[in-house]
C-alpha atoms as a PDB file:
ATOM      1  CA  MET A   1      61.565 -19.325  52.177  1.00  0.00           C
ATOM      2  CA  PRO A   2      58.841 -17.267  53.938  1.00  0.00           C
ATOM      3  CA  PRO A   3      56.344 -18.958  56.262  1.00  0.00           C
ATOM      4  CA  THR A   4      53.375 -20.582  54.572  1.00  0.00           C
ATOM      5  CA  SER A   5      50.022 -18.828  54.703  1.00  0.00           C
ATOM      6  CA  LEU A   6      48.147 -22.122  55.147  1.00  0.00           C
ATOM      7  CA  SER A   7      46.891 -23.050  58.598  1.00  0.00           C
ATOM      8  CA  VAL A   8      49.138 -25.729  60.084  1.00  0.00           C
ATOM      9  CA  LYS A   9      48.509 -27.498  63.371  1.00  0.00           C
ATOM     10  CA  SER A  10      51.401 -26.830  65.701  1.00  0.00           C
ATOM     11  CA  ARG A  11      53.395 -29.929  66.614  1.00  0.00           C
ATOM     12  CA  ARG A  12      56.047 -30.559  69.215  1.00  0.00           C
ATOM     13  CA  VAL A  13      59.145 -31.539  67.248  1.00  0.00           C
ATOM     14  CA  ALA A  14      62.564 -32.777  68.388  1.00  0.00           C
ATOM     15  CA  VAL A  15      65.564 -32.065  66.181  1.00  0.00           C
ATOM     16  CA  ILE A  16      68.658 -34.142  66.917  1.00  0.00           C
ATOM     17  CA  GLY A  17      71.858 -32.256  66.176  1.00  0.00           C
ATOM     18  CA  ALA A  18      72.722 -28.556  65.844  1.00  0.00           C
ATOM     19  CA  GLY A  19      74.944 -28.793  62.785  1.00  0.00           C
ATOM     20  CA  ALA A  20      74.070 -27.256  59.420  1.00  0.00           C
ATOM     21  CA  ALA A  21      71.119 -29.592  58.768  1.00  0.00           C
ATOM     22  CA  GLY A  22      69.733 -29.310  62.299  1.00  0.00           C
ATOM     23  CA  LEU A  23      69.933 -25.526  62.339  1.00  0.00           C
ATOM     24  CA  VAL A  24      68.056 -24.998  59.097  1.00  0.00           C
ATOM     25  CA  ALA A  25      65.516 -27.716  59.974  1.00  0.00           C
ATOM     26  CA  ALA A  26      64.792 -25.998  63.277  1.00  0.00           C
ATOM     27  CA  ARG A  27      64.367 -22.636  61.589  1.00  0.00           C
ATOM     28  CA  GLU A  28      61.948 -23.924  58.972  1.00  0.00           C
ATOM     29  CA  LEU A  29      59.907 -25.885  61.506  1.00  0.00           C
ATOM     30  CA  ARG A  30      59.513 -22.834  63.717  1.00  0.00           C
ATOM     31  CA  ARG A  31      58.552 -20.748  60.690  1.00  0.00           C
ATOM     32  CA  GLU A  32      55.716 -23.206  60.134  1.00  0.00           C
ATOM     33  CA  GLY A  33      54.496 -22.610  63.676  1.00  0.00           C
ATOM     34  CA  HIS A  34      55.831 -25.732  65.388  1.00  0.00           C
ATOM     35  CA  SER A  35      57.314 -25.944  68.870  1.00  0.00           C
ATOM     36  CA  VAL A  36      60.923 -27.069  68.360  1.00  0.00           C
ATOM     37  CA  VAL A  37      63.547 -28.468  70.705  1.00  0.00           C
ATOM     38  CA  VAL A  38      67.058 -29.085  69.337  1.00  0.00           C
ATOM     39  CA  PHE A  39      69.235 -31.624  71.138  1.00  0.00           C
ATOM     40  CA  GLU A  40      72.970 -30.911  70.811  1.00  0.00           C
ATOM     41  CA  ARG A  41      75.448 -33.034  72.718  1.00  0.00           C
ATOM     42  CA  GLY A  42      78.178 -30.419  72.347  1.00  0.00           C
ATOM     43  CA  SER A  43      78.351 -27.027  73.982  1.00  0.00           C
ATOM     44  CA  GLU A  44      77.969 -25.011  70.776  1.00  0.00           C
ATOM     45  CA  VAL A  45      76.319 -25.175  67.374  1.00  0.00           C
ATOM     46  CA  GLY A  46      78.253 -26.251  64.304  1.00  0.00           C
ATOM     47  CA  GLY A  47      78.268 -30.049  64.318  1.00  0.00           C
ATOM     48  CA  ARG A  48      81.181 -31.494  62.377  1.00  0.00           C
ATOM     49  CA  TRP A  49      82.718 -28.021  61.984  1.00  0.00           C
ATOM     50  CA  VAL A  50      83.616 -27.772  65.675  1.00  0.00           C
ATOM     51  CA  TYR A  51      87.355 -28.515  65.830  1.00  0.00           C
ATOM     52  CA  THR A  52      89.485 -29.868  68.661  1.00  0.00           C
ATOM     53  CA  PRO A  53      93.066 -31.203  68.543  1.00  0.00           C
ATOM     54  CA  ARG A  54      92.171 -33.987  70.944  1.00  0.00           C
ATOM     55  CA  VAL A  55      91.780 -37.579  69.764  1.00  0.00           C
ATOM     56  CA  GLU A  56      90.166 -40.632  71.299  1.00  0.00           C
ATOM     57  CA  THR A  57      92.170 -43.174  73.250  1.00  0.00           C
ATOM     58  CA  ASP A  58      90.488 -45.918  71.195  1.00  0.00           C
ATOM     59  CA  PRO A  59      90.837 -44.747  67.564  1.00  0.00           C
ATOM     60  CA  LEU A  60      89.169 -47.888  66.159  1.00  0.00           C
ATOM     61  CA  GLY A  61      86.070 -47.304  68.261  1.00  0.00           C
ATOM     62  CA  LEU A  62      85.948 -50.863  69.593  1.00  0.00           C
ATOM     63  CA  ASP A  63      85.259 -49.979  73.237  1.00  0.00           C
ATOM     64  CA  PRO A  64      81.515 -49.174  73.597  1.00  0.00           C
ATOM     65  CA  ASN A  65      82.160 -47.340  76.881  1.00  0.00           C
ATOM     66  CA  ARG A  66      84.979 -45.130  75.632  1.00  0.00           C
ATOM     67  CA  PRO A  67      84.781 -41.349  75.976  1.00  0.00           C
ATOM     68  CA  ILE A  68      83.915 -40.040  72.501  1.00  0.00           C
ATOM     69  CA  VAL A  69      85.674 -36.939  71.213  1.00  0.00           C
ATOM     70  CA  HIS A  70      83.187 -35.663  68.673  1.00  0.00           C
ATOM     71  CA  THR A  71      85.189 -34.208  65.809  1.00  0.00           C
ATOM     72  CA  SER A  72      86.124 -35.173  62.269  1.00  0.00           C
ATOM     73  CA  LEU A  73      88.431 -32.288  61.332  1.00  0.00           C
ATOM     74  CA  TYR A  74      92.157 -31.727  61.082  1.00  0.00           C
ATOM     75  CA  SER A  75      93.686 -28.373  61.923  1.00  0.00           C
ATOM     76  CA  SER A  76      94.609 -27.249  58.383  1.00  0.00           C
ATOM     77  CA  LEU A  77      91.362 -28.355  56.723  1.00  0.00           C
ATOM     78  CA  ARG A  78      89.882 -26.043  54.095  1.00  0.00           C
ATOM     79  CA  THR A  79      86.719 -26.507  52.067  1.00  0.00           C
ATOM     80  CA  ASN A  80      86.924 -28.088  48.615  1.00  0.00           C
ATOM     81  CA  LEU A  81      83.936 -26.024  47.467  1.00  0.00           C
ATOM     82  CA  PRO A  82      83.808 -22.242  47.028  1.00  0.00           C
ATOM     83  CA  ARG A  83      81.916 -20.476  49.781  1.00  0.00           C
ATOM     84  CA  GLU A  84      79.411 -19.091  47.261  1.00  0.00           C
ATOM     85  CA  VAL A  85      77.834 -22.538  46.799  1.00  0.00           C
ATOM     86  CA  MET A  86      77.895 -23.560  50.475  1.00  0.00           C
ATOM     87  CA  GLY A  87      75.550 -21.007  52.006  1.00  0.00           C
ATOM     88  CA  PHE A  88      71.799 -21.081  52.563  1.00  0.00           C
ATOM     89  CA  THR A  89      69.738 -19.354  49.874  1.00  0.00           C
ATOM     90  CA  ASP A  90      68.527 -16.505  52.066  1.00  0.00           C
ATOM     91  CA  PHE A  91      71.728 -16.227  54.113  1.00  0.00           C
ATOM     92  CA  PRO A  92      74.720 -16.232  51.718  1.00  0.00           C
ATOM     93  CA  PHE A  93      78.135 -17.388  52.893  1.00  0.00           C
ATOM     94  CA  VAL A  94      79.848 -14.078  52.157  1.00  0.00           C
ATOM     95  CA  ALA A  95      83.012 -12.672  53.695  1.00  0.00           C
ATOM     96  CA  ARG A  96      82.187 -10.835  56.914  1.00  0.00           C
ATOM     97  CA  PRO A  97      84.251  -8.290  58.840  1.00  0.00           C
ATOM     98  CA  GLY A  98      85.677  -9.180  62.204  1.00  0.00           C
ATOM     99  CA  GLU A  99      88.707 -10.579  63.984  1.00  0.00           C
ATOM    100  CA  ASN A 100      89.979 -13.924  62.661  1.00  0.00           C
ATOM    101  CA  ARG A 101      87.480 -13.921  59.775  1.00  0.00           C
ATOM    102  CA  ALA A 102      88.736 -15.304  56.454  1.00  0.00           C
ATOM    103  CA  PRO A 103      87.618 -13.657  53.153  1.00  0.00           C
ATOM    104  CA  ARG A 104      89.116 -16.293  50.826  1.00  0.00           C
ATOM    105  CA  MET A 105      86.929 -18.284  48.445  1.00  0.00           C
ATOM    106  CA  TYR A 106      87.888 -21.687  49.929  1.00  0.00           C
ATOM    107  CA  PRO A 107      87.831 -20.946  53.659  1.00  0.00           C
ATOM    108  CA  GLY A 108      89.139 -22.993  56.558  1.00  0.00           C
ATOM    109  CA  HIS A 109      86.939 -24.907  58.967  1.00  0.00           C
ATOM    110  CA  ARG A 110      86.838 -22.069  61.491  1.00  0.00           C
ATOM    111  CA  GLU A 111      85.228 -19.720  58.966  1.00  0.00           C
ATOM    112  CA  VAL A 112      82.521 -22.308  58.205  1.00  0.00           C
ATOM    113  CA  LEU A 113      81.841 -22.673  61.925  1.00  0.00           C
ATOM    114  CA  MET A 114      81.579 -18.905  62.327  1.00  0.00           C
ATOM    115  CA  TYR A 115      79.136 -18.775  59.406  1.00  0.00           C
ATOM    116  CA  LEU A 116      76.889 -21.375  61.067  1.00  0.00           C
ATOM    117  CA  LYS A 117      77.026 -19.427  64.327  1.00  0.00           C
ATOM    118  CA  ASP A 118      76.114 -16.255  62.447  1.00  0.00           C
ATOM    119  CA  PHE A 119      73.149 -18.099  60.934  1.00  0.00           C
ATOM    120  CA  ALA A 120      71.981 -19.403  64.327  1.00  0.00           C
ATOM    121  CA  ARG A 121      72.314 -15.944  65.850  1.00  0.00           C
ATOM    122  CA  GLU A 122      70.531 -14.186  62.982  1.00  0.00           C
ATOM    123  CA  PHE A 123      67.438 -16.399  63.252  1.00  0.00           C
ATOM    124  CA  GLY A 124      67.419 -16.916  67.019  1.00  0.00           C
ATOM    125  CA  ILE A 125      67.972 -20.656  66.794  1.00  0.00           C
ATOM    126  CA  GLU A 126      70.250 -21.018  69.813  1.00  0.00           C
ATOM    127  CA  GLU A 127      67.327 -20.311  72.137  1.00  0.00           C
ATOM    128  CA  MET A 128      65.793 -23.593  70.942  1.00  0.00           C
ATOM    129  CA  VAL A 129      68.934 -25.652  71.564  1.00  0.00           C
ATOM    130  CA  ARG A 130      69.540 -27.805  74.614  1.00  0.00           C
ATOM    131  CA  PHE A 131      73.303 -27.971  74.743  1.00  0.00           C
ATOM    132  CA  GLU A 132      75.186 -30.931  76.251  1.00  0.00           C
ATOM    133  CA  ARG A 133      72.219 -33.272  75.766  1.00  0.00           C
ATOM    134  CA  GLU A 134      72.873 -36.502  73.852  1.00  0.00           C
ATOM    135  CA  VAL A 135      69.926 -38.446  72.440  1.00  0.00           C
ATOM    136  CA  VAL A 136      70.536 -42.141  73.071  1.00  0.00           C
ATOM    137  CA  LYS A 137      67.214 -43.641  71.977  1.00  0.00           C
ATOM    138  CA  VAL A 138      64.147 -42.734  69.922  1.00  0.00           C
ATOM    139  CA  GLU A 139      61.117 -45.000  70.225  1.00  0.00           C
ATOM    140  CA  MET A 140      57.804 -44.876  68.364  1.00  0.00           C
ATOM    141  CA  LEU A 141      54.714 -45.007  70.577  1.00  0.00           C
ATOM    142  CA  GLU A 142      51.016 -45.405  69.922  1.00  0.00           C
ATOM    143  CA  LYS A 143      49.065 -42.767  68.003  1.00  0.00           C
ATOM    144  CA  GLY A 144      52.158 -41.604  66.124  1.00  0.00           C
ATOM    145  CA  LYS A 145      53.981 -40.186  69.134  1.00  0.00           C
ATOM    146  CA  TRP A 146      57.726 -40.519  69.742  1.00  0.00           C
ATOM    147  CA  LYS A 147      59.639 -41.003  72.976  1.00  0.00           C
ATOM    148  CA  VAL A 148      63.060 -39.354  72.989  1.00  0.00           C
ATOM    149  CA  ARG A 149      65.552 -40.421  75.650  1.00  0.00           C
ATOM    150  CA  SER A 150      68.490 -38.124  76.313  1.00  0.00           C
ATOM    151  CA  LYS A 151      71.288 -37.693  78.814  1.00  0.00           C
ATOM    152  CA  LYS A 152      73.683 -35.035  80.011  1.00  0.00           C
ATOM    153  CA  THR A 153      77.149 -34.958  78.456  1.00  0.00           C
ATOM    154  CA  SER A 154      80.395 -33.607  79.871  1.00  0.00           C
ATOM    155  CA  SER A 155      82.905 -31.362  78.146  1.00  0.00           C
ATOM    156  CA  PHE A 156      86.500 -30.200  78.157  1.00  0.00           C
ATOM    157  CA  THR A 157      88.173 -26.983  77.035  1.00  0.00           C
ATOM    158  CA  ASN A 158      90.406 -27.069  73.966  1.00  0.00           C
ATOM    159  CA  GLU A 159      93.427 -24.942  73.093  1.00  0.00           C
ATOM    160  CA  ASN A 160      91.211 -22.043  72.007  1.00  0.00           C
ATOM    161  CA  ASN A 161      89.290 -22.132  75.315  1.00  0.00           C
ATOM    162  CA  ASP A 162      86.296 -23.573  73.471  1.00  0.00           C
ATOM    163  CA  SER A 163      84.291 -26.204  75.314  1.00  0.00           C
ATOM    164  CA  ILE A 164      84.203 -29.532  73.433  1.00  0.00           C
ATOM    165  CA  ASP A 165      82.000 -32.456  74.373  1.00  0.00           C
ATOM    166  CA  ILE A 166      83.165 -35.844  75.601  1.00  0.00           C
ATOM    167  CA  ILE A 167      80.523 -38.562  75.703  1.00  0.00           C
ATOM    168  CA  ASN A 168      80.866 -41.180  78.404  1.00  0.00           C
ATOM    169  CA  LYS A 169      78.376 -43.921  77.639  1.00  0.00           C
ATOM    170  CA  SER A 170      78.741 -45.684  80.984  1.00  0.00           C
ATOM    171  CA  GLU A 171      77.731 -42.719  83.165  1.00  0.00           C
ATOM    172  CA  ALA A 172      74.316 -41.274  82.465  1.00  0.00           C
ATOM    173  CA  GLU A 173      71.114 -39.933  83.931  1.00  0.00           C
ATOM    174  CA  PHE A 174      68.361 -40.313  81.354  1.00  0.00           C
ATOM    175  CA  ASP A 175      65.350 -38.093  80.636  1.00  0.00           C
ATOM    176  CA  ASP A 176      62.363 -39.276  78.569  1.00  0.00           C
ATOM    177  CA  GLU A 177      60.131 -36.830  76.658  1.00  0.00           C
ATOM    178  CA  ILE A 178      57.253 -37.264  74.224  1.00  0.00           C
ATOM    179  CA  TYR A 179      57.179 -35.526  70.819  1.00  0.00           C
ATOM    180  CA  ASP A 180      54.880 -35.507  67.806  1.00  0.00           C
ATOM    181  CA  ALA A 181      57.773 -35.818  65.365  1.00  0.00           C
ATOM    182  CA  VAL A 182      61.546 -36.276  65.309  1.00  0.00           C
ATOM    183  CA  VAL A 183      64.052 -34.942  62.771  1.00  0.00           C
ATOM    184  CA  VAL A 184      67.411 -36.764  62.844  1.00  0.00           C
ATOM    185  CA  CYS A 185      70.371 -34.522  61.895  1.00  0.00           C
ATOM    186  CA  ASN A 186      73.160 -36.146  63.880  1.00  0.00           C
ATOM    187  CA  GLY A 187      75.687 -36.648  61.090  1.00  0.00           C
ATOM    188  CA  ARG A 188      77.694 -39.751  60.267  1.00  0.00           C
ATOM    189  CA  HIS A 189      81.299 -39.197  61.308  1.00  0.00           C
ATOM    190  CA  THR A 190      81.381 -40.287  64.961  1.00  0.00           C
ATOM    191  CA  GLU A 191      81.668 -44.071  64.647  1.00  0.00           C
ATOM    192  CA  PRO A 192      84.641 -45.219  62.540  1.00  0.00           C
ATOM    193  CA  CYS A 193      83.769 -47.447  59.571  1.00  0.00           C
ATOM    194  CA  ILE A 194      86.333 -50.242  59.732  1.00  0.00           C
ATOM    195  CA  ALA A 195      86.516 -52.662  56.821  1.00  0.00           C
ATOM    196  CA  GLU A 196      86.564 -56.356  57.688  1.00  0.00           C
ATOM    197  CA  ILE A 197      89.487 -57.777  55.707  1.00  0.00           C
ATOM    198  CA  PRO A 198      90.461 -61.433  56.249  1.00  0.00           C
ATOM    199  CA  VAL A 199      94.166 -61.477  57.060  1.00  0.00           C
ATOM    200  CA  LYS A 200      96.827 -63.730  58.477  1.00  0.00           C
ATOM    201  CA  LEU A 201      99.542 -62.604  60.865  1.00  0.00           C
ATOM    202  CA  PHE A 202     103.054 -63.663  59.907  1.00  0.00           C
ATOM    203  CA  LEU A 203     106.066 -63.402  62.198  1.00  0.00           C
ATOM    204  CA  PHE A 204     109.537 -63.401  60.744  1.00  0.00           C
ATOM    205  CA  ARG A 205     112.953 -62.494  62.046  1.00  0.00           C
ATOM    206  CA  ILE A 206     115.569 -60.357  60.331  1.00  0.00           C
ATOM    207  CA  CYS A 207     119.016 -60.570  61.854  1.00  0.00           C
ATOM    208  CA  TYR A 208     121.444 -57.682  61.757  1.00  0.00           C
ATOM    209  CA  PRO A 209     125.008 -57.812  63.035  1.00  0.00           C
ATOM    210  CA  GLU A 210     124.167 -55.561  65.956  1.00  0.00           C
ATOM    211  CA  ALA A 211     120.812 -57.074  66.968  1.00  0.00           C
ATOM    212  CA  ALA A 212     117.909 -59.299  66.060  1.00  0.00           C
ATOM    213  CA  ARG A 213     114.631 -57.538  65.438  1.00  0.00           C
ATOM    214  CA  VAL A 214     111.178 -59.080  65.102  1.00  0.00           C
ATOM    215  CA  PHE A 215     108.797 -57.673  62.501  1.00  0.00           C
ATOM    216  CA  ARG A 216     105.126 -58.376  61.899  1.00  0.00           C
ATOM    217  CA  ALA A 217     103.440 -58.325  58.499  1.00  0.00           C
ATOM    218  CA  LEU A 218      99.833 -58.636  57.421  1.00  0.00           C
ATOM    219  CA  GLY A 219      99.045 -60.813  54.429  1.00  0.00           C
ATOM    220  CA  ASN A 220      95.793 -61.791  52.737  1.00  0.00           C
ATOM    221  CA  THR A 221      94.589 -65.383  52.967  1.00  0.00           C
ATOM    222  CA  SER A 222      94.620 -65.617  49.176  1.00  0.00           C
ATOM    223  CA  LYS A 223      97.610 -67.385  47.651  1.00  0.00           C
ATOM    224  CA  ASN A 224      97.446 -65.365  44.451  1.00  0.00           C
ATOM    225  CA  SER A 225      97.385 -61.767  45.559  1.00  0.00           C
ATOM    226  CA  LEU A 226      98.299 -59.857  48.674  1.00  0.00           C
ATOM    227  CA  PHE A 227      95.446 -57.432  48.100  1.00  0.00           C
ATOM    228  CA  ASN A 228      92.906 -59.761  46.524  1.00  0.00           C
ATOM    229  CA  THR A 229      89.302 -58.534  46.994  1.00  0.00           C
END
């Protein structure tokens, strides 16, 4: 939508995350005359659509000091929605010419990432982004101000020579800044959601003529059903 004609007092606003939500939030805030800083812990825009084949050494996410590989994609992923309904109103997700661009209606993750980069480039959003900065704490202060604490992240290069972020929570140099408002667009696919299911561990031995092998099985504590809820 076009900028409003009403007089709006300019505020200093922090946007956390440069994925789809963060990019459009930053654009609209700047259109309203605000001073915007976008914190992105990766080295490029795109959020969840930035792919890497690497996985974490702790897939359950139990170690709080583990290096975090920020991705939630698999290599063959394609959208389950047609591109026509995924784009922003004033910047349609249409097929674009260029090397490695996909014209199909249900594109792969790379095409979605390229669309978001096209959007950021078209509206000059990247100039507002602080790449490789992870926000670790947001604290409300007096008079409606907000303190945002961030730290530098490190990165590695994936198979496509793209730089992907690794977050090491134990090594950090923090910076504190004051903002009038904070917009949180950091997604929800970094920390695994592990269900707590009460189980018992059973050990039993199956003997074969050539060897004896030990197997482990998980069973529910209920006597009536193995998968009782």
